[in-house]
Amino acid sequence: MYTAKHSPRLIRGPLAVEPRSRNFIYLLVGAACAGVYLELRRHHEAGTLGGPLPSASAAGVAPGASGDEAAPGASARLVGLPGQEGDGGPGAAPGASGAMPNPPPTRVQAETTLRALRDAVRSDLSGPESPWALSHGLIALSSESPAGEHAHTSQAWQRALARIGAKLQRDGARWSFPRGTEVSPGEPHPHSVLATLLDVGVPKDTRLRTPSGEVSLADWLDASLANARPPEKEAEWIDSPWLIALTLHAEGPKAEALRAALRAGALRHLTEATQAIADYQGPPERAFEIGGALHRAKQDKRGIFGHHCGGLHFTEAVLRLYAGDVSARPALHAALDLLMRRVQYERSLYDALARSLAVSPDAGLLIAVQRLKFYGHSAEVLGRARRLELAAPATSRELSTRLDATQALLVSELVRLMPELERVGYARADALRRERPQTYLDLMGDGAHAARGLERWLTAQPE
Protein backbone atom coordinates (compact mmCIF):
# COMPACT_ATOMS: atom_id res chain seq x y z
CA MET A 1 0.00 0.00 0.00
CA TYR A 2 1.12 3.57 -0.62
CA THR A 3 2.40 5.05 2.67
CA ALA A 4 3.59 8.41 3.92
CA LYS A 5 7.26 7.52 3.70
CA HIS A 6 7.02 7.41 -0.10
CA SER A 7 5.98 11.05 -0.28
CA PRO A 8 6.27 12.87 3.06
CA ARG A 9 4.84 16.05 1.59
CA LEU A 10 1.42 14.41 1.40
CA ILE A 11 0.98 13.94 5.17
CA ARG A 12 1.68 16.68 7.72
CA GLY A 13 0.85 14.79 10.87
CA PRO A 14 0.07 11.23 11.97
CA LEU A 15 -3.39 11.36 10.42
CA ALA A 16 -3.58 14.86 8.95
CA VAL A 17 -4.00 14.62 5.18
CA GLU A 18 -5.37 17.34 2.97
CA PRO A 19 -8.52 16.20 1.14
CA ARG A 20 -6.79 16.71 -2.21
CA SER A 21 -3.74 14.71 -1.08
CA ARG A 22 -5.81 11.95 0.50
CA ASN A 23 -7.60 11.53 -2.80
CA PHE A 24 -4.20 11.37 -4.50
CA ILE A 25 -3.08 8.56 -2.18
CA TYR A 26 -6.13 6.57 -3.27
CA LEU A 27 -5.28 7.32 -6.89
CA LEU A 28 -1.75 6.01 -6.41
CA VAL A 29 -2.94 2.78 -4.80
CA GLY A 30 -5.01 1.93 -7.83
CA ALA A 31 -3.11 3.65 -10.58
CA ALA A 32 0.15 1.92 -9.71
CA CYS A 33 -1.56 -1.26 -10.90
CA ALA A 34 -2.55 0.36 -14.17
CA GLY A 35 0.90 1.59 -15.03
CA VAL A 36 0.01 5.27 -14.74
CA TYR A 37 1.59 5.79 -11.32
CA LEU A 38 4.49 7.86 -12.61
CA GLU A 39 2.27 10.10 -14.71
CA LEU A 40 -0.09 10.78 -11.81
CA ARG A 41 2.75 11.41 -9.39
CA ARG A 42 4.51 13.74 -11.83
CA HIS A 43 1.38 15.87 -12.21
CA HIS A 44 0.82 15.91 -8.45
CA GLU A 45 4.37 17.08 -7.75
CA ALA A 46 4.11 19.68 -10.52
CA GLY A 47 0.82 20.90 -9.11
CA THR A 48 -1.01 20.15 -12.36
CA LEU A 49 -3.00 17.09 -11.32
CA GLY A 50 -5.95 19.37 -10.70
CA GLY A 51 -5.28 21.53 -13.74
CA PRO A 52 -8.12 23.05 -15.73
CA LEU A 53 -10.42 20.26 -16.79
CA PRO A 54 -14.08 19.97 -17.75
CA SER A 55 -16.60 20.49 -14.97
CA ALA A 56 -17.43 17.57 -12.71
CA SER A 57 -20.83 17.08 -14.28
CA ALA A 58 -19.34 17.03 -17.78
CA ALA A 59 -16.89 14.38 -16.70
CA GLY A 60 -19.60 12.11 -15.39
CA VAL A 61 -19.19 13.01 -11.68
CA ALA A 62 -22.35 13.21 -9.64
CA PRO A 63 -23.27 16.71 -8.45
CA GLY A 64 -21.77 17.42 -5.07
CA ALA A 65 -19.05 14.80 -5.41
CA SER A 66 -15.59 15.85 -4.29
CA GLY A 67 -12.12 14.44 -3.93
CA ASP A 68 -12.98 13.61 -0.29
CA GLU A 69 -15.46 11.01 -1.48
CA ALA A 70 -12.90 8.81 -3.26
CA ALA A 71 -13.37 5.89 -0.90
CA PRO A 72 -10.49 3.63 0.15
CA GLY A 73 -12.69 0.78 -0.99
CA ALA A 74 -11.49 1.58 -4.46
CA SER A 75 -8.16 -0.04 -3.72
CA ALA A 76 -9.89 -2.97 -2.05
CA ARG A 77 -11.72 -3.77 -5.25
CA LEU A 78 -8.49 -3.52 -7.21
CA VAL A 79 -6.66 -6.06 -5.06
CA GLY A 80 -9.44 -8.62 -5.39
CA LEU A 81 -10.90 -8.67 -1.87
CA PRO A 82 -14.15 -10.56 -1.18
CA GLY A 83 -17.18 -9.05 -2.80
CA GLN A 84 -15.70 -8.73 -6.27
CA GLU A 85 -17.25 -10.39 -9.24
CA GLY A 86 -15.70 -13.81 -9.73
CA ASP A 87 -14.15 -15.42 -12.75
CA GLY A 88 -16.69 -15.73 -15.50
CA GLY A 89 -19.08 -13.36 -13.77
CA PRO A 90 -20.57 -10.15 -15.15
CA GLY A 91 -17.23 -8.37 -15.06
CA ALA A 92 -15.21 -11.08 -16.79
CA ALA A 93 -13.82 -10.45 -20.25
CA PRO A 94 -14.96 -12.82 -22.98
CA GLY A 95 -11.57 -13.60 -24.52
CA ALA A 96 -11.07 -17.02 -22.97
CA SER A 97 -14.52 -18.34 -23.80
CA GLY A 98 -14.54 -16.91 -27.29
CA ALA A 99 -17.85 -15.14 -26.60
CA MET A 100 -18.49 -11.97 -28.56
CA PRO A 101 -19.07 -8.74 -26.64
CA ASN A 102 -22.75 -8.09 -26.05
CA PRO A 103 -23.77 -6.40 -28.25
CA PRO A 104 -20.97 -6.81 -30.80
CA PRO A 105 -19.69 -3.65 -32.49
CA THR A 106 -21.36 -2.64 -35.72
CA ARG A 107 -19.53 -1.53 -38.84
CA VAL A 108 -21.14 1.90 -38.56
CA GLN A 109 -19.91 2.32 -34.97
CA ALA A 110 -16.38 1.30 -35.89
CA GLU A 111 -16.30 3.54 -38.98
CA THR A 112 -17.60 6.51 -36.97
CA THR A 113 -14.93 6.00 -34.31
CA LEU A 114 -12.25 5.56 -36.98
CA ARG A 115 -13.22 8.85 -38.64
CA ALA A 116 -13.20 10.66 -35.30
CA LEU A 117 -9.74 9.35 -34.41
CA ARG A 118 -8.33 10.17 -37.82
CA ASP A 119 -9.74 13.68 -37.72
CA ALA A 120 -8.30 14.25 -34.24
CA VAL A 121 -4.81 13.04 -35.15
CA ARG A 122 -4.79 14.67 -38.60
CA SER A 123 -5.50 18.03 -36.99
CA ASP A 124 -2.06 17.77 -35.39
CA LEU A 125 -0.38 17.61 -38.81
CA SER A 126 -0.92 21.30 -39.43
CA GLY A 127 1.23 22.50 -36.53
CA PRO A 128 4.15 20.35 -35.40
CA GLU A 129 7.66 20.15 -36.70
CA SER A 130 8.17 16.89 -34.78
CA PRO A 131 9.20 13.96 -37.03
CA TRP A 132 7.64 11.57 -34.49
CA ALA A 133 4.29 13.41 -34.55
CA LEU A 134 4.34 13.80 -38.34
CA SER A 135 5.02 10.10 -38.91
CA HIS A 136 2.14 9.21 -36.60
CA GLY A 137 -0.05 11.60 -38.54
CA LEU A 138 0.80 9.57 -41.65
CA ILE A 139 -0.36 6.43 -39.85
CA ALA A 140 -3.72 8.13 -39.38
CA LEU A 141 -3.77 9.38 -42.99
CA SER A 142 -2.82 6.02 -44.49
CA SER A 143 -4.93 3.00 -45.26
CA GLU A 144 -3.87 -0.60 -45.79
CA SER A 145 -6.81 -1.25 -48.07
CA PRO A 146 -6.56 -0.61 -51.84
CA ALA A 147 -9.26 2.03 -51.52
CA GLY A 148 -6.96 4.10 -49.30
CA GLU A 149 -4.06 4.41 -51.70
CA HIS A 150 -5.16 7.89 -52.79
CA ALA A 151 -4.05 9.23 -49.40
CA HIS A 152 -0.42 8.99 -50.55
CA THR A 153 -0.98 11.83 -53.01
CA SER A 154 -2.90 14.15 -50.68
CA GLN A 155 -1.53 17.60 -49.86
CA ALA A 156 -1.40 16.78 -46.13
CA TRP A 157 0.63 13.67 -46.90
CA GLN A 158 3.11 15.58 -49.05
CA ARG A 159 3.43 18.40 -46.50
CA ALA A 160 4.18 15.91 -43.75
CA LEU A 161 6.90 14.25 -45.83
CA ALA A 162 8.40 17.65 -46.64
CA ARG A 163 8.52 18.60 -42.97
CA ILE A 164 10.11 15.28 -42.03
CA GLY A 165 12.76 15.83 -44.71
CA ALA A 166 13.46 19.32 -43.41
CA LYS A 167 14.41 17.85 -40.02
CA LEU A 168 16.51 14.95 -41.32
CA GLN A 169 20.23 15.54 -40.89
CA ARG A 170 23.29 13.77 -42.26
CA ASP A 171 26.29 13.10 -40.04
CA GLY A 172 28.84 11.27 -42.12
CA ALA A 173 27.22 8.00 -43.19
CA ARG A 174 24.35 8.35 -40.72
CA TRP A 175 20.99 10.05 -41.01
CA SER A 176 19.26 11.23 -37.85
CA PHE A 177 16.92 13.82 -36.36
CA PRO A 178 17.59 16.48 -33.73
CA ARG A 179 16.62 15.45 -30.20
CA GLY A 180 13.63 17.79 -30.09
CA THR A 181 11.74 18.82 -26.98
CA GLU A 182 9.31 17.22 -24.55
CA VAL A 183 6.34 18.42 -26.56
CA SER A 184 8.00 18.11 -29.97
CA PRO A 185 10.19 14.99 -29.98
CA GLY A 186 12.54 14.14 -32.82
CA GLU A 187 12.88 10.37 -33.03
CA PRO A 188 12.55 8.83 -29.55
CA HIS A 189 13.09 5.28 -30.82
CA PRO A 190 15.89 4.42 -33.28
CA HIS A 191 14.70 3.88 -36.85
CA SER A 192 11.05 4.52 -35.92
CA VAL A 193 10.36 7.34 -38.40
CA LEU A 194 11.82 5.54 -41.43
CA ALA A 195 10.15 2.27 -40.43
CA THR A 196 6.82 4.08 -40.15
CA LEU A 197 7.19 5.71 -43.57
CA LEU A 198 7.90 2.33 -45.16
CA ASP A 199 5.12 0.59 -43.24
CA VAL A 200 2.49 3.12 -44.36
CA GLY A 201 3.51 2.61 -47.97
CA VAL A 202 5.78 5.51 -48.88
CA PRO A 203 7.65 4.22 -51.97
CA LYS A 204 11.37 3.63 -51.50
CA ASP A 205 12.19 5.84 -54.48
CA THR A 206 10.54 8.84 -52.76
CA ARG A 207 13.13 11.58 -52.34
CA LEU A 208 13.16 13.83 -49.30
CA ARG A 209 14.70 17.28 -49.46
CA THR A 210 16.96 17.67 -46.41
CA PRO A 211 19.38 20.39 -45.25
CA SER A 212 22.16 18.03 -46.45
CA GLY A 213 20.64 17.51 -49.89
CA GLU A 214 18.13 15.05 -51.28
CA VAL A 215 17.98 11.44 -50.13
CA SER A 216 15.69 8.62 -51.23
CA LEU A 217 14.10 6.32 -48.70
CA ALA A 218 16.05 3.46 -50.29
CA ASP A 219 19.37 5.20 -49.63
CA TRP A 220 18.28 6.16 -46.12
CA LEU A 221 17.33 2.52 -45.52
CA ASP A 222 20.69 1.25 -46.80
CA ALA A 223 22.58 3.70 -44.59
CA SER A 224 20.50 2.77 -41.54
CA LEU A 225 21.13 -0.95 -41.97
CA ALA A 226 24.83 -0.43 -42.69
CA ASN A 227 25.20 1.16 -39.26
CA ALA A 228 22.87 -1.25 -37.43
CA ARG A 229 23.85 -4.20 -35.27
CA PRO A 230 21.79 -6.99 -33.70
CA PRO A 231 20.43 -6.33 -30.19
CA GLU A 232 22.38 -7.71 -27.27
CA LYS A 233 21.35 -5.76 -24.18
CA GLU A 234 17.82 -5.46 -22.85
CA ALA A 235 17.58 -1.80 -23.85
CA GLU A 236 18.51 -2.72 -27.42
CA TRP A 237 15.79 -5.35 -27.60
CA ILE A 238 13.31 -2.79 -26.30
CA ASP A 239 14.23 -0.52 -29.22
CA SER A 240 14.31 -3.37 -31.77
CA PRO A 241 10.77 -3.32 -33.26
CA TRP A 242 11.70 -0.66 -35.82
CA LEU A 243 15.00 -2.31 -36.73
CA ILE A 244 13.05 -5.52 -37.34
CA ALA A 245 10.68 -3.57 -39.60
CA LEU A 246 13.58 -2.13 -41.59
CA THR A 247 15.04 -5.57 -42.26
CA LEU A 248 11.66 -6.73 -43.57
CA HIS A 249 11.63 -3.87 -46.08
CA ALA A 250 15.19 -4.47 -47.27
CA GLU A 251 17.06 -6.94 -49.42
CA GLY A 252 20.70 -7.89 -49.70
CA PRO A 253 23.35 -9.58 -47.53
CA LYS A 254 23.31 -7.01 -44.72
CA ALA A 255 19.52 -7.20 -44.30
CA GLU A 256 19.59 -10.99 -44.46
CA ALA A 257 22.33 -11.19 -41.83
CA LEU A 258 20.42 -8.86 -39.51
CA ARG A 259 17.18 -10.79 -39.97
CA ALA A 260 18.98 -14.05 -39.14
CA ALA A 261 20.50 -12.54 -36.02
CA LEU A 262 17.14 -11.12 -34.94
CA ARG A 263 15.38 -14.43 -35.54
CA ALA A 264 17.99 -16.13 -33.38
CA GLY A 265 16.81 -14.23 -30.30
CA ALA A 266 13.57 -12.27 -30.74
CA LEU A 267 11.08 -15.05 -30.08
CA ARG A 268 13.01 -16.25 -27.06
CA HIS A 269 13.10 -12.71 -25.73
CA LEU A 270 9.33 -12.31 -26.16
CA THR A 271 8.71 -15.62 -24.39
CA GLU A 272 10.89 -14.60 -21.45
CA ALA A 273 9.38 -11.11 -21.31
CA THR A 274 5.81 -12.47 -21.06
CA GLN A 275 6.57 -15.23 -18.55
CA ALA A 276 4.77 -13.44 -15.71
CA ILE A 277 1.59 -13.39 -17.80
CA ALA A 278 2.01 -17.07 -18.67
CA ASP A 279 2.46 -17.95 -14.99
CA TYR A 280 -0.74 -16.24 -13.83
CA GLN A 281 -3.67 -18.65 -13.63
CA GLY A 282 -6.23 -16.70 -11.63
CA PRO A 283 -9.33 -14.72 -12.63
CA PRO A 284 -8.91 -11.49 -14.61
CA GLU A 285 -9.99 -9.16 -11.81
CA ARG A 286 -7.23 -10.41 -9.51
CA ALA A 287 -4.40 -10.39 -12.07
CA PHE A 288 -2.90 -7.09 -10.91
CA GLU A 289 -3.69 -7.34 -7.23
CA ILE A 290 -1.20 -5.38 -5.17
CA GLY A 291 1.82 -7.48 -4.29
CA GLY A 292 1.22 -10.04 -7.01
CA ALA A 293 3.78 -10.89 -9.67
CA LEU A 294 1.99 -9.03 -12.47
CA HIS A 295 1.47 -5.96 -10.32
CA ARG A 296 5.16 -5.87 -9.39
CA ALA A 297 6.23 -6.38 -13.00
CA LYS A 298 3.98 -3.58 -14.23
CA GLN A 299 4.92 -1.18 -11.45
CA ASP A 300 8.65 -1.86 -11.86
CA LYS A 301 8.42 -1.92 -15.66
CA ARG A 302 9.97 -5.37 -15.92
CA GLY A 303 9.59 -7.85 -18.74
CA ILE A 304 7.08 -6.93 -21.39
CA PHE A 305 5.83 -4.04 -19.24
CA GLY A 306 9.21 -2.34 -19.61
CA HIS A 307 8.93 -2.21 -23.41
CA HIS A 308 7.54 0.73 -25.35
CA CYS A 309 3.73 0.84 -25.25
CA GLY A 310 3.60 -2.23 -23.03
CA GLY A 311 5.56 -4.35 -25.48
CA LEU A 312 2.88 -4.30 -28.16
CA HIS A 313 5.24 -2.86 -30.78
CA PHE A 314 7.69 -5.64 -29.99
CA THR A 315 4.99 -8.32 -30.09
CA GLU A 316 3.83 -7.19 -33.53
CA ALA A 317 7.41 -7.04 -34.80
CA VAL A 318 8.04 -10.61 -33.64
CA LEU A 319 4.87 -11.83 -35.37
CA ARG A 320 6.05 -10.23 -38.61
CA LEU A 321 9.60 -11.55 -38.27
CA TYR A 322 8.56 -15.20 -37.88
CA ALA A 323 5.35 -15.18 -39.95
CA GLY A 324 6.84 -17.34 -42.70
CA ASP A 325 8.50 -19.82 -40.35
CA VAL A 326 6.21 -22.82 -39.95
CA SER A 327 8.37 -24.24 -37.16
CA ALA A 328 7.73 -21.07 -35.11
CA ARG A 329 3.95 -21.29 -35.46
CA PRO A 330 3.31 -22.98 -32.06
CA ALA A 331 5.33 -20.29 -30.28
CA LEU A 332 3.49 -17.53 -32.16
CA HIS A 333 0.17 -19.12 -31.20
CA ALA A 334 1.33 -19.12 -27.58
CA ALA A 335 2.26 -15.42 -27.87
CA LEU A 336 -1.19 -14.60 -29.24
CA ASP A 337 -2.82 -16.61 -26.46
CA LEU A 338 -0.92 -14.60 -23.85
CA LEU A 339 -1.86 -11.30 -25.49
CA MET A 340 -5.53 -12.25 -25.50
CA ARG A 341 -5.31 -13.30 -21.85
CA ARG A 342 -3.63 -10.00 -21.09
CA VAL A 343 -6.48 -8.13 -22.76
CA GLN A 344 -8.80 -9.71 -20.19
CA TYR A 345 -6.56 -8.75 -17.31
CA GLU A 346 -5.93 -5.16 -18.38
CA ARG A 347 -9.56 -4.55 -19.30
CA SER A 348 -10.73 -5.80 -15.91
CA LEU A 349 -8.22 -3.52 -14.21
CA TYR A 350 -9.10 -0.43 -16.23
CA ASP A 351 -12.82 -0.98 -15.68
CA ALA A 352 -12.21 -1.24 -11.93
CA LEU A 353 -10.11 1.91 -11.98
CA ALA A 354 -12.70 3.80 -14.00
CA ARG A 355 -15.41 2.88 -11.49
CA SER A 356 -13.22 3.60 -8.47
CA LEU A 357 -11.86 6.92 -9.68
CA ALA A 358 -15.07 8.27 -11.21
CA VAL A 359 -14.98 11.22 -8.77
CA SER A 360 -11.63 12.38 -10.18
CA PRO A 361 -11.78 13.76 -13.71
CA ASP A 362 -8.03 14.42 -13.45
CA ALA A 363 -7.25 10.74 -13.12
CA GLY A 364 -10.09 9.86 -15.47
CA LEU A 365 -8.30 11.50 -18.39
CA LEU A 366 -5.09 9.60 -17.71
CA ILE A 367 -6.90 6.28 -17.35
CA ALA A 368 -8.78 6.96 -20.61
CA VAL A 369 -5.48 7.61 -22.39
CA GLN A 370 -4.02 4.39 -21.01
CA ARG A 371 -7.05 2.49 -22.30
CA LEU A 372 -6.60 4.10 -25.71
CA LYS A 373 -2.94 3.04 -25.71
CA PHE A 374 -3.57 -0.57 -24.73
CA TYR A 375 -6.79 -1.24 -26.63
CA GLY A 376 -5.59 0.54 -29.76
CA HIS A 377 -2.21 -1.15 -29.94
CA SER A 378 -3.70 -4.55 -29.09
CA ALA A 379 -6.28 -4.20 -31.86
CA GLU A 380 -3.44 -3.28 -34.20
CA VAL A 381 -1.40 -6.37 -33.23
CA LEU A 382 -4.30 -8.79 -33.51
CA GLY A 383 -5.26 -7.23 -36.82
CA ARG A 384 -1.73 -7.87 -38.04
CA ALA A 385 -1.95 -11.49 -36.86
CA ARG A 386 -5.16 -11.92 -38.85
CA ARG A 387 -3.59 -10.37 -41.95
CA LEU A 388 -0.59 -12.69 -41.63
CA GLU A 389 -2.97 -15.65 -41.28
CA LEU A 390 -1.30 -16.69 -38.03
CA ALA A 391 -4.60 -17.83 -36.56
CA ALA A 392 -6.41 -19.20 -39.59
CA PRO A 393 -9.35 -21.50 -38.80
CA ALA A 394 -7.66 -24.32 -40.68
CA THR A 395 -4.66 -24.04 -38.34
CA SER A 396 -6.46 -23.56 -35.03
CA ARG A 397 -10.20 -23.03 -35.00
CA GLU A 398 -10.27 -22.33 -31.28
CA LEU A 399 -7.52 -19.71 -31.51
CA SER A 400 -9.16 -18.15 -34.55
CA THR A 401 -12.48 -17.87 -32.73
CA ARG A 402 -10.84 -16.29 -29.71
CA LEU A 403 -8.94 -13.84 -31.90
CA ASP A 404 -12.17 -12.76 -33.60
CA ALA A 405 -13.84 -12.32 -30.22
CA THR A 406 -10.96 -10.37 -28.72
CA GLN A 407 -10.69 -8.07 -31.75
CA ALA A 408 -14.42 -7.37 -31.53
CA LEU A 409 -14.07 -6.70 -27.81
CA LEU A 410 -11.26 -4.20 -28.39
CA VAL A 411 -13.23 -2.43 -31.10
CA SER A 412 -16.23 -2.23 -28.76
CA GLU A 413 -14.03 -0.73 -26.06
CA LEU A 414 -12.65 1.89 -28.45
CA VAL A 415 -16.17 2.75 -29.62
CA ARG A 416 -17.27 3.11 -26.00
CA LEU A 417 -14.20 5.15 -25.07
CA MET A 418 -14.23 7.66 -27.92
CA PRO A 419 -16.90 10.07 -26.62
CA GLU A 420 -14.97 10.45 -23.35
CA LEU A 421 -11.69 10.96 -25.19
CA GLU A 422 -13.25 13.62 -27.38
CA ARG A 423 -14.75 15.40 -24.35
CA VAL A 424 -11.82 15.42 -21.92
CA GLY A 425 -8.94 14.87 -24.35
CA TYR A 426 -9.11 15.82 -28.01
CA ALA A 427 -11.37 18.82 -27.43
CA ARG A 428 -8.68 20.19 -25.11
CA ALA A 429 -5.68 19.25 -27.26
CA ASP A 430 -4.16 22.75 -27.33
CA ALA A 431 -4.39 23.14 -23.55
CA LEU A 432 -3.01 19.66 -22.94
CA ARG A 433 -0.08 20.34 -25.23
CA ARG A 434 0.90 23.23 -22.97
CA GLU A 435 0.02 21.70 -19.60
CA ARG A 436 0.51 17.96 -20.01
CA PRO A 437 2.72 17.30 -23.03
CA GLN A 438 3.07 13.56 -22.41
CA THR A 439 -0.69 13.09 -22.25
CA TYR A 440 -1.05 15.16 -25.41
CA LEU A 441 1.52 13.05 -27.28
CA ASP A 442 -0.18 9.85 -26.10
CA LEU A 443 -3.52 11.08 -27.43
CA MET A 444 -2.00 11.73 -30.84
CA GLY A 445 0.36 8.78 -31.16
CA ASP A 446 -1.88 6.17 -29.59
CA GLY A 447 -4.87 7.56 -31.44
CA ALA A 448 -3.04 6.89 -34.72
CA HIS A 449 -2.33 3.27 -33.75
CA ALA A 450 -5.92 2.79 -32.58
CA ALA A 451 -7.13 4.07 -35.94
CA ARG A 452 -5.03 1.45 -37.69
CA GLY A 453 -6.35 -1.23 -35.35
CA LEU A 454 -9.92 -0.23 -36.17
CA GLU A 455 -9.23 -0.25 -39.89
CA ARG A 456 -7.67 -3.70 -39.74
CA TRP A 457 -10.78 -5.02 -38.03
CA LEU A 458 -13.06 -3.32 -40.55
CA THR A 459 -11.22 -4.65 -43.59
CA ALA A 460 -11.55 -8.20 -42.22
CA GLN A 461 -15.34 -7.90 -41.88
CA PRO A 462 -17.73 -8.98 -44.64
CA GLU A 463 -19.44 -6.10 -46.36
Foldseek 3Di string as FASTA:
>chain_A
DDDCVVPVVQADDPPDGDLVSVLLSLVLLQVLLLLCNVVSVVCVVVVCLVPDFDDLVLLVHDPPFDSNPLDSCLLVLLQPDPPHAFFPDPLFACLVVLDFPVVFDDLVLLVVLLVVLLVLLCVPLVDALALLSLLLNLLSQFAPDPVSPCSCVDPSNVSSLQSLQAQWDDDPLAIAGPQADLQRGHDPAPQVSLLSCVVRPPDQQDWYQYPVGIDGSVSNLVSSLVPDDADDDPVCLLRCLNVLSSLVVDDDDSSVVNLVSCVVPLLVLLCVLLVLLVPDDGHLSNSLNPPGPSSVCLSVVGRQNVHPLSVLSSLLSVCVSCLPPPVCLVSNLVSLVSLSSVLRNSSSSLVSSCVSCSSRVSVVLVSLLNLLSSLLSSLLSLLSCVVSVSPPCVVPVSSVSSSLNSNSVSSVVSSVSSVSCVRGNSVCLVVCSVSPSVSSVSSNNSSSSSSNSSSSSSVPDDD
